[in-house]
Amino acid sequence: MKTLLEELQFEHNGIKVSVRIDYRHKKISVIDSYGRKKNFVFAERGVEYMDGWKNILEAIIYATKAAKRMLEKRNEEENEKLIGLIIESDKKL
């Protein structure tokens, strides 16, 4: 049986981003190093702080795209398996 939750870390331009893929509910979350969902605050920040976020956001985009591809691949595999089961059960009738 395949795992229903998977936590992975992706790196983009030296920035590491952790994500959780929930295959059962078909959801992706950006998480912190303790596995908690990450909430970001952009309000009332200095210019230097906001400039750094550009790189972080690029890394988050990279990580979520990679996680999305993994989620979609798993969904395709499950759909193909289900179609195969349906065809097999049809043959038995």
PDB file of N, CA and C in Angstrom:
ATOM      1  N   MET A   1       0.837  -1.180   0.000  1.00  0.00           N
ATOM      2  CA  MET A   1       0.000   0.000   0.000  1.00  0.00           C
ATOM      3  C   MET A   1       0.882   1.244   0.000  1.00  0.00           C
ATOM      4  N   LYS A   2       0.512   2.215  -0.788  1.00  0.00           N
ATOM      5  CA  LYS A   2       1.290   3.439  -0.898  1.00  0.00           C
ATOM      6  C   LYS A   2       0.956   4.372   0.266  1.00  0.00           C
ATOM      7  N   THR A   3       1.943   5.192   0.613  1.00  0.00           N
ATOM      8  CA  THR A   3       1.758   6.133   1.713  1.00  0.00           C
ATOM      9  C   THR A   3       0.723   7.206   1.349  1.00  0.00           C
ATOM     10  N   LEU A   4      -0.039   7.667   2.330  1.00  0.00           N
ATOM     11  CA  LEU A   4      -1.062   8.679   2.088  1.00  0.00           C
ATOM     12  C   LEU A   4      -0.554  10.092   2.347  1.00  0.00           C
ATOM     13  N   LEU A   5       0.470  10.219   3.195  1.00  0.00           N
ATOM     14  CA  LEU A   5       1.100  11.515   3.496  1.00  0.00           C
ATOM     15  C   LEU A   5       2.591  11.401   3.249  1.00  0.00           C
ATOM     16  N   GLU A   6       3.141  12.414   2.623  1.00  0.00           N
ATOM     17  CA  GLU A   6       4.564  12.400   2.363  1.00  0.00           C
ATOM     18  C   GLU A   6       5.118  13.799   2.614  1.00  0.00           C
ATOM     19  N   GLU A   7       6.205  13.880   3.380  1.00  0.00           N
ATOM     20  CA  GLU A   7       6.870  15.152   3.628  1.00  0.00           C
ATOM     21  C   GLU A   7       8.213  15.138   2.918  1.00  0.00           C
ATOM     22  N   LEU A   8       8.434  16.148   2.092  1.00  0.00           N
ATOM     23  CA  LEU A   8       9.638  16.226   1.278  1.00  0.00           C
ATOM     24  C   LEU A   8      10.264  17.612   1.405  1.00  0.00           C
ATOM     25  N   GLN A   9      11.536  17.685   1.093  1.00  0.00           N
ATOM     26  CA  GLN A   9      12.221  18.973   1.088  1.00  0.00           C
ATOM     27  C   GLN A   9      12.829  19.184  -0.298  1.00  0.00           C
ATOM     28  N   PHE A  10      12.549  20.335  -0.867  1.00  0.00           N
ATOM     29  CA  PHE A  10      13.084  20.707  -2.163  1.00  0.00           C
ATOM     30  C   PHE A  10      14.017  21.890  -1.966  1.00  0.00           C
ATOM     31  N   GLU A  11      15.034  21.987  -2.829  1.00  0.00           N
ATOM     32  CA  GLU A  11      15.972  23.101  -2.741  1.00  0.00           C
ATOM     33  C   GLU A  11      16.018  23.820  -4.083  1.00  0.00           C
ATOM     34  N   HIS A  12      15.952  25.140  -4.018  1.00  0.00           N
ATOM     35  CA  HIS A  12      16.021  25.965  -5.222  1.00  0.00           C
ATOM     36  C   HIS A  12      16.892  27.172  -4.925  1.00  0.00           C
ATOM     37  N   ASN A  13      17.983  27.317  -5.663  1.00  0.00           N
ATOM     38  CA  ASN A  13      18.929  28.418  -5.459  1.00  0.00           C
ATOM     39  C   ASN A  13      19.382  28.530  -4.004  1.00  0.00           C
ATOM     40  N   GLY A  14      19.624  27.373  -3.377  1.00  0.00           N
ATOM     41  CA  GLY A  14      20.130  27.347  -2.008  1.00  0.00           C
ATOM     42  C   GLY A  14      19.080  27.499  -0.923  1.00  0.00           C
ATOM     43  N   ILE A  15      17.826  27.656  -1.305  1.00  0.00           N
ATOM     44  CA  ILE A  15      16.744  27.820  -0.327  1.00  0.00           C
ATOM     45  C   ILE A  15      15.968  26.511  -0.249  1.00  0.00           C
ATOM     46  N   LYS A  16      15.848  25.977   0.962  1.00  0.00           N
ATOM     47  CA  LYS A  16      15.134  24.720   1.169  1.00  0.00           C
ATOM     48  C   LYS A  16      13.691  25.006   1.570  1.00  0.00           C
ATOM     49  N   VAL A  17      12.783  24.279   0.943  1.00  0.00           N
ATOM     50  CA  VAL A  17      11.357  24.406   1.231  1.00  0.00           C
ATOM     51  C   VAL A  17      10.808  23.016   1.506  1.00  0.00           C
ATOM     52  N   SER A  18      10.133  22.872   2.638  1.00  0.00           N
ATOM     53  CA  SER A  18       9.510  21.595   2.996  1.00  0.00           C
ATOM     54  C   SER A  18       8.038  21.631   2.626  1.00  0.00           C
ATOM     55  N   VAL A  19       7.556  20.528   2.065  1.00  0.00           N
ATOM     56  CA  VAL A  19       6.146  20.423   1.702  1.00  0.00           C
ATOM     57  C   VAL A  19       5.586  19.091   2.202  1.00  0.00           C
ATOM     58  N   ARG A  20       4.296  19.083   2.414  1.00  0.00           N
ATOM     59  CA  ARG A  20       3.578  17.845   2.754  1.00  0.00           C
ATOM     60  C   ARG A  20       2.574  17.603   1.638  1.00  0.00           C
ATOM     61  N   ILE A  21       2.621  16.391   1.092  1.00  0.00           N
ATOM     62  CA  ILE A  21       1.657  15.988   0.068  1.00  0.00           C
ATOM     63  C   ILE A  21       0.668  15.035   0.726  1.00  0.00           C
ATOM     64  N   ASP A  22      -0.585  15.404   0.700  1.00  0.00           N
ATOM     65  CA  ASP A  22      -1.663  14.576   1.239  1.00  0.00           C
ATOM     66  C   ASP A  22      -2.360  13.934   0.037  1.00  0.00           C
ATOM     67  N   TYR A  23      -1.966  12.696  -0.252  1.00  0.00           N
ATOM     68  CA  TYR A  23      -2.491  12.011  -1.426  1.00  0.00           C
ATOM     69  C   TYR A  23      -3.973  11.672  -1.264  1.00  0.00           C
ATOM     70  N   ARG A  24      -4.402  11.446  -0.054  1.00  0.00           N
ATOM     71  CA  ARG A  24      -5.800  11.070   0.181  1.00  0.00           C
ATOM     72  C   ARG A  24      -6.738  12.239  -0.126  1.00  0.00           C
ATOM     73  N   HIS A  25      -6.391  13.434   0.376  1.00  0.00           N
ATOM     74  CA  HIS A  25      -7.245  14.608   0.186  1.00  0.00           C
ATOM     75  C   HIS A  25      -6.806  15.467  -1.002  1.00  0.00           C
ATOM     76  N   LYS A  26      -5.728  15.026  -1.666  1.00  0.00           N
ATOM     77  CA  LYS A  26      -5.205  15.709  -2.849  1.00  0.00           C
ATOM     78  C   LYS A  26      -4.861  17.172  -2.545  1.00  0.00           C
ATOM     79  N   LYS A  27      -4.033  17.358  -1.485  1.00  0.00           N
ATOM     80  CA  LYS A  27      -3.644  18.701  -1.071  1.00  0.00           C
ATOM     81  C   LYS A  27      -2.143  18.774  -0.841  1.00  0.00           C
ATOM     82  N   ILE A  28      -1.608  19.975  -1.015  1.00  0.00           N
ATOM     83  CA  ILE A  28      -0.186  20.233  -0.788  1.00  0.00           C
ATOM     84  C   ILE A  28      -0.076  21.383   0.206  1.00  0.00           C
ATOM     85  N   SER A  29       0.810  21.234   1.195  1.00  0.00           N
ATOM     86  CA  SER A  29       1.042  22.289   2.184  1.00  0.00           C
ATOM     87  C   SER A  29       2.525  22.595   2.274  1.00  0.00           C
ATOM     88  N   VAL A  30       2.858  23.875   2.410  1.00  0.00           N
ATOM     89  CA  VAL A  30       4.218  24.270   2.747  1.00  0.00           C
ATOM     90  C   VAL A  30       4.298  24.183   4.265  1.00  0.00           C
ATOM     91  N   ILE A  31       5.327  23.492   4.764  1.00  0.00           N
ATOM     92  CA  ILE A  31       5.440  23.258   6.209  1.00  0.00           C
ATOM     93  C   ILE A  31       6.793  23.749   6.718  1.00  0.00           C
ATOM     94  N   ASP A  32       6.886  23.886   8.042  1.00  0.00           N
ATOM     95  CA  ASP A  32       8.175  24.255   8.631  1.00  0.00           C
ATOM     96  C   ASP A  32       8.954  22.988   8.970  1.00  0.00           C
ATOM     97  N   SER A  33      10.092  23.156   9.584  1.00  0.00           N
ATOM     98  CA  SER A  33      10.959  22.000   9.870  1.00  0.00           C
ATOM     99  C   SER A  33      10.367  21.049  10.912  1.00  0.00           C
ATOM    100  N   TYR A  34       9.307  21.478  11.613  1.00  0.00           N
ATOM    101  CA  TYR A  34       8.644  20.614  12.586  1.00  0.00           C
ATOM    102  C   TYR A  34       7.387  19.957  12.017  1.00  0.00           C
ATOM    103  N   GLY A  35       7.124  20.191  10.736  1.00  0.00           N
ATOM    104  CA  GLY A  35       5.959  19.590  10.102  1.00  0.00           C
ATOM    105  C   GLY A  35       4.681  20.383  10.267  1.00  0.00           C
ATOM    106  N   ARG A  36       4.784  21.590  10.818  1.00  0.00           N
ATOM    107  CA  ARG A  36       3.593  22.434  10.991  1.00  0.00           C
ATOM    108  C   ARG A  36       3.366  23.253   9.728  1.00  0.00           C
ATOM    109  N   LYS A  37       2.100  23.510   9.420  1.00  0.00           N
ATOM    110  CA  LYS A  37       1.778  24.352   8.271  1.00  0.00           C
ATOM    111  C   LYS A  37       2.394  25.726   8.485  1.00  0.00           C
ATOM    112  N   LYS A  38       2.945  26.264   7.427  1.00  0.00           N
ATOM    113  CA  LYS A  38       3.657  27.531   7.506  1.00  0.00           C
ATOM    114  C   LYS A  38       2.719  28.675   7.158  1.00  0.00           C
ATOM    115  N   ASN A  39       2.672  29.687   8.026  1.00  0.00           N
ATOM    116  CA  ASN A  39       1.927  30.911   7.753  1.00  0.00           C
ATOM    117  C   ASN A  39       2.936  32.034   7.559  1.00  0.00           C
ATOM    118  N   PHE A  40       2.781  32.781   6.486  1.00  0.00           N
ATOM    119  CA  PHE A  40       3.738  33.824   6.163  1.00  0.00           C
ATOM    120  C   PHE A  40       3.140  35.195   6.456  1.00  0.00           C
ATOM    121  N   VAL A  41       4.003  36.128   6.912  1.00  0.00           N
ATOM    122  CA  VAL A  41       3.566  37.491   7.198  1.00  0.00           C
ATOM    123  C   VAL A  41       4.374  38.426   6.304  1.00  0.00           C
ATOM    124  N   PHE A  42       3.666  39.194   5.489  1.00  0.00           N
ATOM    125  CA  PHE A  42       4.322  40.135   4.586  1.00  0.00           C
ATOM    126  C   PHE A  42       4.051  41.593   4.975  1.00  0.00           C
ATOM    127  N   ALA A  43       3.174  41.823   5.907  1.00  0.00           N
ATOM    128  CA  ALA A  43       2.782  43.191   6.256  1.00  0.00           C
ATOM    129  C   ALA A  43       3.850  43.887   7.103  1.00  0.00           C
ATOM    130  N   GLU A  44       4.003  45.179   6.856  1.00  0.00           N
ATOM    131  CA  GLU A  44       4.858  46.058   7.656  1.00  0.00           C
ATOM    132  C   GLU A  44       6.279  45.533   7.810  1.00  0.00           C
ATOM    133  N   ARG A  45       6.892  45.188   6.690  1.00  0.00           N
ATOM    134  CA  ARG A  45       8.265  44.680   6.679  1.00  0.00           C
ATOM    135  C   ARG A  45       9.170  45.681   5.973  1.00  0.00           C
ATOM    136  N   GLY A  46      10.457  45.671   6.323  1.00  0.00           N
ATOM    137  CA  GLY A  46      11.431  46.547   5.680  1.00  0.00           C
ATOM    138  C   GLY A  46      11.724  46.117   4.259  1.00  0.00           C
ATOM    139  N   VAL A  47      12.344  47.014   3.497  1.00  0.00           N
ATOM    140  CA  VAL A  47      12.645  46.752   2.091  1.00  0.00           C
ATOM    141  C   VAL A  47      13.574  45.555   1.943  1.00  0.00           C
ATOM    142  N   GLU A  48      14.613  45.468   2.771  1.00  0.00           N
ATOM    143  CA  GLU A  48      15.553  44.350   2.680  1.00  0.00           C
ATOM    144  C   GLU A  48      14.844  43.027   2.920  1.00  0.00           C
ATOM    145  N   TYR A  49      13.958  43.041   3.895  1.00  0.00           N
ATOM    146  CA  TYR A  49      13.199  41.839   4.224  1.00  0.00           C
ATOM    147  C   TYR A  49      12.358  41.407   3.024  1.00  0.00           C
ATOM    148  N   MET A  50      11.687  42.351   2.404  1.00  0.00           N
ATOM    149  CA  MET A  50      10.810  42.036   1.281  1.00  0.00           C
ATOM    150  C   MET A  50      11.613  41.588   0.059  1.00  0.00           C
ATOM    151  N   ASP A  51      12.802  42.148  -0.153  1.00  0.00           N
ATOM    152  CA  ASP A  51      13.638  41.707  -1.265  1.00  0.00           C
ATOM    153  C   ASP A  51      14.024  40.236  -1.112  1.00  0.00           C
ATOM    154  N   GLY A  52      14.285  39.807   0.109  1.00  0.00           N
ATOM    155  CA  GLY A  52      14.624  38.407   0.361  1.00  0.00           C
ATOM    156  C   GLY A  52      13.475  37.471   0.051  1.00  0.00           C
ATOM    157  N   TRP A  53      12.252  37.963   0.188  1.00  0.00           N
ATOM    158  CA  TRP A  53      11.090  37.130  -0.074  1.00  0.00           C
ATOM    159  C   TRP A  53      10.964  36.734  -1.535  1.00  0.00           C
ATOM    160  N   LYS A  54      11.492  37.545  -2.427  1.00  0.00           N
ATOM    161  CA  LYS A  54      11.451  37.190  -3.850  1.00  0.00           C
ATOM    162  C   LYS A  54      12.103  35.836  -4.069  1.00  0.00           C
ATOM    163  N   ASN A  55      13.272  35.627  -3.495  1.00  0.00           N
ATOM    164  CA  ASN A  55      13.980  34.351  -3.639  1.00  0.00           C
ATOM    165  C   ASN A  55      13.228  33.218  -2.945  1.00  0.00           C
ATOM    166  N   ILE A  56      12.683  33.518  -1.791  1.00  0.00           N
ATOM    167  CA  ILE A  56      11.928  32.500  -1.049  1.00  0.00           C
ATOM    168  C   ILE A  56      10.676  32.092  -1.827  1.00  0.00           C
ATOM    169  N   LEU A  57       9.985  33.067  -2.385  1.00  0.00           N
ATOM    170  CA  LEU A  57       8.777  32.756  -3.150  1.00  0.00           C
ATOM    171  C   LEU A  57       9.101  31.937  -4.397  1.00  0.00           C
ATOM    172  N   GLU A  58      10.222  32.223  -5.046  1.00  0.00           N
ATOM    173  CA  GLU A  58      10.637  31.412  -6.196  1.00  0.00           C
ATOM    174  C   GLU A  58      10.877  29.964  -5.770  1.00  0.00           C
ATOM    175  N   ALA A  59      11.491  29.776  -4.603  1.00  0.00           N
ATOM    176  CA  ALA A  59      11.735  28.426  -4.095  1.00  0.00           C
ATOM    177  C   ALA A  59      10.422  27.726  -3.747  1.00  0.00           C
ATOM    178  N   ILE A  60       9.473  28.466  -3.186  1.00  0.00           N
ATOM    179  CA  ILE A  60       8.159  27.887  -2.861  1.00  0.00           C
ATOM    180  C   ILE A  60       7.441  27.479  -4.145  1.00  0.00           C
ATOM    181  N   ILE A  61       7.509  28.314  -5.169  1.00  0.00           N
ATOM    182  CA  ILE A  61       6.890  27.978  -6.455  1.00  0.00           C
ATOM    183  C   ILE A  61       7.516  26.710  -7.023  1.00  0.00           C
ATOM    184  N   TYR A  62       8.826  26.630  -6.978  1.00  0.00           N
ATOM    185  CA  TYR A  62       9.535  25.441  -7.472  1.00  0.00           C
ATOM    186  C   TYR A  62       9.075  24.192  -6.707  1.00  0.00           C
ATOM    187  N   ALA A  63       9.037  24.279  -5.375  1.00  0.00           N
ATOM    188  CA  ALA A  63       8.673  23.126  -4.543  1.00  0.00           C
ATOM    189  C   ALA A  63       7.226  22.705  -4.763  1.00  0.00           C
ATOM    190  N   THR A  64       6.320  23.669  -4.857  1.00  0.00           N
ATOM    191  CA  THR A  64       4.910  23.306  -5.024  1.00  0.00           C
ATOM    192  C   THR A  64       4.647  22.737  -6.415  1.00  0.00           C
ATOM    193  N   LYS A  65       5.367  23.208  -7.434  1.00  0.00           N
ATOM    194  CA  LYS A  65       5.215  22.614  -8.770  1.00  0.00           C
ATOM    195  C   LYS A  65       5.694  21.166  -8.773  1.00  0.00           C
ATOM    196  N   ALA A  66       6.830  20.920  -8.116  1.00  0.00           N
ATOM    197  CA  ALA A  66       7.360  19.548  -8.051  1.00  0.00           C
ATOM    198  C   ALA A  66       6.392  18.649  -7.289  1.00  0.00           C
ATOM    199  N   ALA A  67       5.853  19.140  -6.181  1.00  0.00           N
ATOM    200  CA  ALA A  67       4.900  18.355  -5.391  1.00  0.00           C
ATOM    201  C   ALA A  67       3.614  18.103  -6.189  1.00  0.00           C
ATOM    202  N   LYS A  68       3.189  19.098  -6.938  1.00  0.00           N
ATOM    203  CA  LYS A  68       1.983  18.946  -7.763  1.00  0.00           C
ATOM    204  C   LYS A  68       2.179  17.854  -8.810  1.00  0.00           C
ATOM    205  N   ARG A  69       3.356  17.830  -9.440  1.00  0.00           N
ATOM    206  CA  ARG A  69       3.639  16.774 -10.425  1.00  0.00           C
ATOM    207  C   ARG A  69       3.574  15.398  -9.772  1.00  0.00           C
ATOM    208  N   MET A  70       4.111  15.287  -8.549  1.00  0.00           N
ATOM    209  CA  MET A  70       4.075  14.000  -7.841  1.00  0.00           C
ATOM    210  C   MET A  70       2.641  13.592  -7.522  1.00  0.00           C
ATOM    211  N   LEU A  71       1.841  14.556  -7.075  1.00  0.00           N
ATOM    212  CA  LEU A  71       0.441  14.290  -6.746  1.00  0.00           C
ATOM    213  C   LEU A  71      -0.332  13.877  -7.998  1.00  0.00           C
ATOM    214  N   GLU A  72      -0.124  14.580  -9.093  1.00  0.00           N
ATOM    215  CA  GLU A  72      -0.814  14.243 -10.336  1.00  0.00           C
ATOM    216  C   GLU A  72      -0.401  12.868 -10.863  1.00  0.00           C
ATOM    217  N   LYS A  73       0.888  12.542 -10.732  1.00  0.00           N
ATOM    218  CA  LYS A  73       1.360  11.227 -11.172  1.00  0.00           C
ATOM    219  C   LYS A  73       0.685  10.124 -10.367  1.00  0.00           C
ATOM    220  N   ARG A  74       0.593  10.315  -9.045  1.00  0.00           N
ATOM    221  CA  ARG A  74      -0.064   9.317  -8.191  1.00  0.00           C
ATOM    222  C   ARG A  74      -1.533   9.181  -8.574  1.00  0.00           C
ATOM    223  N   ASN A  75      -2.206  10.302  -8.837  1.00  0.00           N
ATOM    224  CA  ASN A  75      -3.612  10.252  -9.229  1.00  0.00           C
ATOM    225  C   ASN A  75      -3.790   9.489 -10.534  1.00  0.00           C
ATOM    226  N   GLU A  76      -2.901   9.730 -11.500  1.00  0.00           N
ATOM    227  CA  GLU A  76      -2.967   9.007 -12.776  1.00  0.00           C
ATOM    228  C   GLU A  76      -2.788   7.513 -12.564  1.00  0.00           C
ATOM    229  N   GLU A  77      -1.828   7.130 -11.734  1.00  0.00           N
ATOM    230  CA  GLU A  77      -1.584   5.709 -11.458  1.00  0.00           C
ATOM    231  C   GLU A  77      -2.800   5.060 -10.824  1.00  0.00           C
ATOM    232  N   GLU A  78      -3.423   5.774  -9.872  1.00  0.00           N
ATOM    233  CA  GLU A  78      -4.615   5.225  -9.209  1.00  0.00           C
ATOM    234  C   GLU A  78      -5.779   5.112 -10.183  1.00  0.00           C
ATOM    235  N   ASN A  79      -5.922   6.105 -11.064  1.00  0.00           N
ATOM    236  CA  ASN A  79      -7.000   6.057 -12.055  1.00  0.00           C
ATOM    237  C   ASN A  79      -6.803   4.900 -13.027  1.00  0.00           C
ATOM    238  N   GLU A  80      -5.564   4.692 -13.463  1.00  0.00           N
ATOM    239  CA  GLU A  80      -5.274   3.583 -14.369  1.00  0.00           C
ATOM    240  C   GLU A  80      -5.553   2.242 -13.697  1.00  0.00           C
ATOM    241  N   LYS A  81      -5.191   2.136 -12.428  1.00  0.00           N
ATOM    242  CA  LYS A  81      -5.444   0.903 -11.683  1.00  0.00           C
ATOM    243  C   LYS A  81      -6.948   0.657 -11.568  1.00  0.00           C
ATOM    244  N   LEU A  82      -7.700   1.708 -11.261  1.00  0.00           N
ATOM    245  CA  LEU A  82      -9.149   1.589 -11.130  1.00  0.00           C
ATOM    246  C   LEU A  82      -9.781   1.184 -12.462  1.00  0.00           C
ATOM    247  N   ILE A  83      -9.331   1.784 -13.549  1.00  0.00           N
ATOM    248  CA  ILE A  83      -9.851   1.423 -14.873  1.00  0.00           C
ATOM    249  C   ILE A  83      -9.541  -0.040 -15.183  1.00  0.00           C
ATOM    250  N   GLY A  84      -8.341  -0.481 -14.836  1.00  0.00           N
ATOM    251  CA  GLY A  84      -7.981  -1.879 -15.034  1.00  0.00           C
ATOM    252  C   GLY A  84      -8.878  -2.818 -14.255  1.00  0.00           C
ATOM    253  N   LEU A  85      -9.187  -2.456 -13.023  1.00  0.00           N
ATOM    254  CA  LEU A  85     -10.082  -3.282 -12.202  1.00  0.00           C
ATOM    255  C   LEU A  85     -11.488  -3.328 -12.787  1.00  0.00           C
ATOM    256  N   ILE A  86     -11.950  -2.203 -13.289  1.00  0.00           N
ATOM    257  CA  ILE A  86     -13.274  -2.151 -13.890  1.00  0.00           C
ATOM    258  C   ILE A  86     -13.337  -3.024 -15.140  1.00  0.00           C
ATOM    259  N   ILE A  87     -12.295  -2.948 -15.951  1.00  0.00           N
ATOM    260  CA  ILE A  87     -12.251  -3.766 -17.176  1.00  0.00           C
ATOM    261  C   ILE A  87     -12.209  -5.249 -16.820  1.00  0.00           C
ATOM    262  N   GLU A  88     -11.416  -5.610 -15.827  1.00  0.00           N
ATOM    263  CA  GLU A  88     -11.322  -7.012 -15.402  1.00  0.00           C
ATOM    264  C   GLU A  88     -12.673  -7.508 -14.870  1.00  0.00           C
ATOM    265  N   SER A  89     -13.352  -6.692 -14.083  1.00  0.00           N
ATOM    266  CA  SER A  89     -14.639  -7.122 -13.529  1.00  0.00           C
ATOM    267  C   SER A  89     -15.691  -7.219 -14.625  1.00  0.00           C
ATOM    268  N   ASP A  90     -15.583  -6.372 -15.640  1.00  0.00           N
ATOM    269  CA  ASP A  90     -16.493  -6.427 -16.785  1.00  0.00           C
ATOM    270  C   ASP A  90     -16.311  -7.731 -17.555  1.00  0.00           C
ATOM    271  N   LYS A  91     -15.062  -8.168 -17.684  1.00  0.00           N
ATOM    272  CA  LYS A  91     -14.765  -9.402 -18.413  1.00  0.00           C
ATOM    273  C   LYS A  91     -15.357 -10.615 -17.710  1.00  0.00           C
ATOM    274  N   LYS A  92     -15.428 -10.544 -16.383  1.00  0.00           N
ATOM    275  CA  LYS A  92     -15.942 -11.676 -15.598  1.00  0.00           C
ATOM    276  C   LYS A  92     -17.450 -11.781 -15.681  1.00  0.00           C
ATOM    277  N   LEU A  93     -18.104 -10.715 -16.065  1.00  0.00           N
ATOM    278  CA  LEU A  93     -19.574 -10.724 -16.154  1.00  0.00           C
ATOM    279  C   LEU A  93     -20.003 -11.330 -17.420  1.00  0.00           C
TER     280      LEU A  93
END
